[in-house]
C-alpha atoms as a PDB file:
ATOM      1  CA  UNK A   1     -24.189  53.049 -29.765  1.00  0.00           C
ATOM      2  CA  UNK A   2     -23.782  55.268 -26.596  1.00  0.00           C
ATOM      3  CA  UNK A   3     -25.265  54.170 -23.160  1.00  0.00           C
ATOM      4  CA  UNK A   4     -28.494  56.105 -23.294  1.00  0.00           C
ATOM      5  CA  UNK A   5     -29.383  54.392 -26.649  1.00  0.00           C
ATOM      6  CA  UNK A   6     -29.270  51.100 -25.495  1.00  0.00           C
ATOM      7  CA  UNK A   7     -32.522  49.086 -25.373  1.00  0.00           C
ATOM      8  CA  UNK A   8     -33.971  47.745 -22.134  1.00  0.00           C
ATOM      9  CA  UNK A   9     -32.779  43.967 -22.917  1.00  0.00           C
ATOM     10  CA  UNK A  10     -29.320  45.313 -23.960  1.00  0.00           C
ATOM     11  CA  UNK A  11     -28.968  47.276 -20.721  1.00  0.00           C
ATOM     12  CA  UNK A  12     -30.255  44.056 -18.616  1.00  0.00           C
ATOM     13  CA  UNK A  13     -27.814  42.146 -20.663  1.00  0.00           C
ATOM     14  CA  UNK A  14     -24.858  44.687 -19.806  1.00  0.00           C
ATOM     15  CA  UNK A  15     -25.904  44.929 -16.257  1.00  0.00           C
ATOM     16  CA  UNK A  16     -25.916  41.093 -15.746  1.00  0.00           C
ATOM     17  CA  UNK A  17     -22.222  40.820 -17.295  1.00  0.00           C
ATOM     18  CA  UNK A  18     -20.959  43.265 -15.300  1.00  0.00           C
ATOM     19  CA  UNK A  19     -22.459  41.584 -12.081  1.00  0.00           C
ATOM     20  CA  UNK A  20     -21.087  38.335 -13.313  1.00  0.00           C
ATOM     21  CA  UNK A  21     -17.657  39.783 -13.287  1.00  0.00           C
ATOM     22  CA  UNK A  22     -18.062  41.634 -10.104  1.00  0.00           C
ATOM     23  CA  UNK A  23     -19.171  38.353  -8.442  1.00  0.00           C
ATOM     24  CA  UNK A  24     -15.912  36.722  -9.526  1.00  0.00           C
ATOM     25  CA  UNK A  25     -13.994  39.525  -7.715  1.00  0.00           C
ATOM     26  CA  UNK A  26     -16.341  39.238  -4.894  1.00  0.00           C
ATOM     27  CA  UNK A  27     -15.610  35.436  -4.714  1.00  0.00           C
ATOM     28  CA  UNK A  28     -11.858  36.141  -4.604  1.00  0.00           C
ATOM     29  CA  UNK A  29     -11.851  38.669  -1.940  1.00  0.00           C
ATOM     30  CA  UNK A  30     -14.269  36.864   0.011  1.00  0.00           C
ATOM     31  CA  UNK A  31     -12.084  33.668   0.122  1.00  0.00           C
ATOM     32  CA  UNK A  32      -9.247  35.945   1.144  1.00  0.00           C
ATOM     33  CA  UNK A  33     -11.304  37.546   3.830  1.00  0.00           C
ATOM     34  CA  UNK A  34     -12.208  34.053   5.192  1.00  0.00           C
ATOM     35  CA  UNK A  35      -8.399  33.133   5.490  1.00  0.00           C
ATOM     36  CA  UNK A  36      -7.525  36.356   7.047  1.00  0.00           C
ATOM     37  CA  UNK A  37     -10.282  35.637   9.786  1.00  0.00           C
ATOM     38  CA  UNK A  38      -8.639  32.085  10.123  1.00  0.00           C
ATOM     39  CA  UNK A  39      -5.354  33.630  10.800  1.00  0.00           C
ATOM     40  CA  UNK A  40      -6.719  36.160  13.172  1.00  0.00           C
ATOM     41  CA  UNK A  41      -8.765  34.190  15.389  1.00  0.00           C
ATOM     42  CA  UNK A  42      -8.450  30.366  14.500  1.00  0.00           C
ATOM     43  CA  UNK A  43     -11.097  29.380  17.424  1.00  0.00           C
ATOM     44  CA  UNK A  44     -13.620  31.722  16.471  1.00  0.00           C
ATOM     45  CA  UNK A  45     -13.155  31.641  12.770  1.00  0.00           C
ATOM     46  CA  UNK A  46     -16.705  31.872  11.703  1.00  0.00           C
ATOM     47  CA  UNK A  47     -17.743  34.490  14.073  1.00  0.00           C
ATOM     48  CA  UNK A  48     -14.776  36.859  13.202  1.00  0.00           C
ATOM     49  CA  UNK A  49     -15.275  35.982   9.374  1.00  0.00           C
ATOM     50  CA  UNK A  50     -18.904  37.051   9.730  1.00  0.00           C
ATOM     51  CA  UNK A  51     -17.988  40.291  11.095  1.00  0.00           C
ATOM     52  CA  UNK A  52     -15.068  40.846   8.556  1.00  0.00           C
ATOM     53  CA  UNK A  53     -17.790  39.978   6.098  1.00  0.00           C
ATOM     54  CA  UNK A  54     -20.203  42.677   7.592  1.00  0.00           C
ATOM     55  CA  UNK A  55     -17.679  45.330   6.989  1.00  0.00           C
ATOM     56  CA  UNK A  56     -16.850  44.230   3.512  1.00  0.00           C
ATOM     57  CA  UNK A  57     -20.204  44.133   2.610  1.00  0.00           C
ATOM     58  CA  UNK A  58     -20.524  47.706   3.479  1.00  0.00           C
ATOM     59  CA  UNK A  59     -17.665  48.363   1.135  1.00  0.00           C
ATOM     60  CA  UNK A  60     -19.320  46.505  -1.609  1.00  0.00           C
ATOM     61  CA  UNK A  61     -22.707  47.969  -1.122  1.00  0.00           C
ATOM     62  CA  UNK A  62     -21.068  51.438  -1.568  1.00  0.00           C
ATOM     63  CA  UNK A  63     -19.450  50.225  -4.473  1.00  0.00           C
ATOM     64  CA  UNK A  64     -22.833  48.641  -5.739  1.00  0.00           C
ATOM     65  CA  UNK A  65     -24.822  51.684  -5.034  1.00  0.00           C
ATOM     66  CA  UNK A  66     -22.117  54.071  -6.810  1.00  0.00           C
ATOM     67  CA  UNK A  67     -21.916  51.992 -10.068  1.00  0.00           C
ATOM     68  CA  UNK A  68     -25.354  50.692 -10.596  1.00  0.00           C
ATOM     69  CA  UNK A  69     -28.145  53.287 -10.589  1.00  0.00           C
ATOM     70  CA  UNK A  70     -30.806  51.098 -11.786  1.00  0.00           C
ATOM     71  CA  UNK A  71     -31.022  47.783  -9.907  1.00  0.00           C
ATOM     72  CA  UNK A  72     -28.553  47.780  -6.914  1.00  0.00           C
ATOM     73  CA  UNK A  73     -30.365  45.420  -4.748  1.00  0.00           C
ATOM     74  CA  UNK A  74     -30.806  43.027  -7.513  1.00  0.00           C
ATOM     75  CA  UNK A  75     -27.246  43.523  -8.307  1.00  0.00           C
ATOM     76  CA  UNK A  76     -26.427  42.737  -4.836  1.00  0.00           C
ATOM     77  CA  UNK A  77     -28.263  39.506  -4.831  1.00  0.00           C
ATOM     78  CA  UNK A  78     -26.793  38.252  -8.314  1.00  0.00           C
ATOM     79  CA  UNK A  79     -23.340  39.335  -7.077  1.00  0.00           C
ATOM     80  CA  UNK A  80     -23.748  37.292  -3.925  1.00  0.00           C
ATOM     81  CA  UNK A  81     -24.999  34.400  -5.360  1.00  0.00           C
ATOM     82  CA  UNK A  82     -22.423  34.470  -8.331  1.00  0.00           C
ATOM     83  CA  UNK A  83     -19.373  35.220  -5.905  1.00  0.00           C
ATOM     84  CA  UNK A  84     -20.311  32.656  -3.032  1.00  0.00           C
ATOM     85  CA  UNK A  85     -22.208  29.933  -4.543  1.00  0.00           C
ATOM     86  CA  UNK A  86     -21.599  29.554  -8.645  1.00  0.00           C
ATOM     87  CA  UNK A  87     -17.966  30.417  -8.738  1.00  0.00           C
ATOM     88  CA  UNK A  88     -16.837  28.332  -5.997  1.00  0.00           C
ATOM     89  CA  UNK A  89     -19.144  25.507  -7.374  1.00  0.00           C
ATOM     90  CA  UNK A  90     -17.383  25.847 -10.880  1.00  0.00           C
ATOM     91  CA  UNK A  91     -13.851  26.159  -9.570  1.00  0.00           C
ATOM     92  CA  UNK A  92     -13.755  23.930  -6.661  1.00  0.00           C
ATOM     93  CA  UNK A  93     -16.632  21.796  -6.380  1.00  0.00           C
ATOM     94  CA  UNK A  94     -18.915  21.472  -3.271  1.00  0.00           C
ATOM     95  CA  UNK A  95     -15.543  21.844  -1.101  1.00  0.00           C
ATOM     96  CA  UNK A  96     -15.321  25.316  -2.134  1.00  0.00           C
ATOM     97  CA  UNK A  97     -18.310  26.699  -0.576  1.00  0.00           C
ATOM     98  CA  UNK A  98     -18.239  28.176   2.832  1.00  0.00           C
ATOM     99  CA  UNK A  99     -19.930  26.752   6.138  1.00  0.00           C
ATOM    100  CA  UNK A 100     -23.360  27.271   5.639  1.00  0.00           C
ATOM    101  CA  UNK A 101     -24.063  29.559   8.472  1.00  0.00           C
ATOM    102  CA  UNK A 102     -21.543  31.684   7.024  1.00  0.00           C
ATOM    103  CA  UNK A 103     -22.683  31.603   3.742  1.00  0.00           C
ATOM    104  CA  UNK A 104     -26.400  32.293   4.673  1.00  0.00           C
ATOM    105  CA  UNK A 105     -25.010  35.242   6.886  1.00  0.00           C
ATOM    106  CA  UNK A 106     -22.958  36.843   4.285  1.00  0.00           C
ATOM    107  CA  UNK A 107     -25.673  36.499   1.357  1.00  0.00           C
ATOM    108  CA  UNK A 108     -28.341  38.101   3.599  1.00  0.00           C
ATOM    109  CA  UNK A 109     -26.206  41.109   4.819  1.00  0.00           C
ATOM    110  CA  UNK A 110     -25.322  42.258   1.156  1.00  0.00           C
ATOM    111  CA  UNK A 111     -28.485  43.404  -0.206  1.00  0.00           C
ATOM    112  CA  UNK A 112     -29.505  44.401   3.432  1.00  0.00           C
ATOM    113  CA  UNK A 113     -26.139  46.317   3.469  1.00  0.00           C
ATOM    114  CA  UNK A 114     -26.778  47.829  -0.028  1.00  0.00           C
ATOM    115  CA  UNK A 115     -30.600  48.794   1.039  1.00  0.00           C
ATOM    116  CA  UNK A 116     -29.028  50.754   3.917  1.00  0.00           C
ATOM    117  CA  UNK A 117     -26.188  52.509   1.855  1.00  0.00           C
ATOM    118  CA  UNK A 118     -28.350  53.448  -0.970  1.00  0.00           C
ATOM    119  CA  UNK A 119     -30.933  55.248   1.586  1.00  0.00           C
ATOM    120  CA  UNK A 120     -28.047  56.941   3.299  1.00  0.00           C
ATOM    121  CA  UNK A 121     -26.705  58.276   0.030  1.00  0.00           C
ATOM    122  CA  UNK A 122     -30.246  59.440  -0.793  1.00  0.00           C
ATOM    123  CA  UNK A 123     -30.605  61.110   2.145  1.00  0.00           C
ATOM    124  CA  UNK A 124     -27.314  62.900   2.092  1.00  0.00           C
ATOM    125  CA  UNK A 125     -27.729  64.157  -1.478  1.00  0.00           C
ATOM    126  CA  UNK A 126     -30.882  65.733  -0.119  1.00  0.00           C
ATOM    127  CA  UNK A 127     -29.002  67.908   2.209  1.00  0.00           C
END
């Protein structure tokens, strides 16, 4: 079956499975990013990690809008939730979660970055 012949439910299942895999990769790179922030400025770890995460979320938003043409905002919400909440809970328990302020900031900025990057890409293709 080609991608064009998939039913709606098959397309949804395909997208959700891809989002879950990408969420695991997002968790892996996010934990590395937080460790890098702690190494860069141990006294301002949360602020540094948030700014690293903001830049990283722009990159992730670009990848989401590049590969998911149907539901990029929903994809960013699922990827963020799976990557920052579900995977750490499964692997490490509650100790694997980020500090609440950092977690909330990253989870809120990923869909916003995805929306903005999607708007920029639409504007650029029109010109």
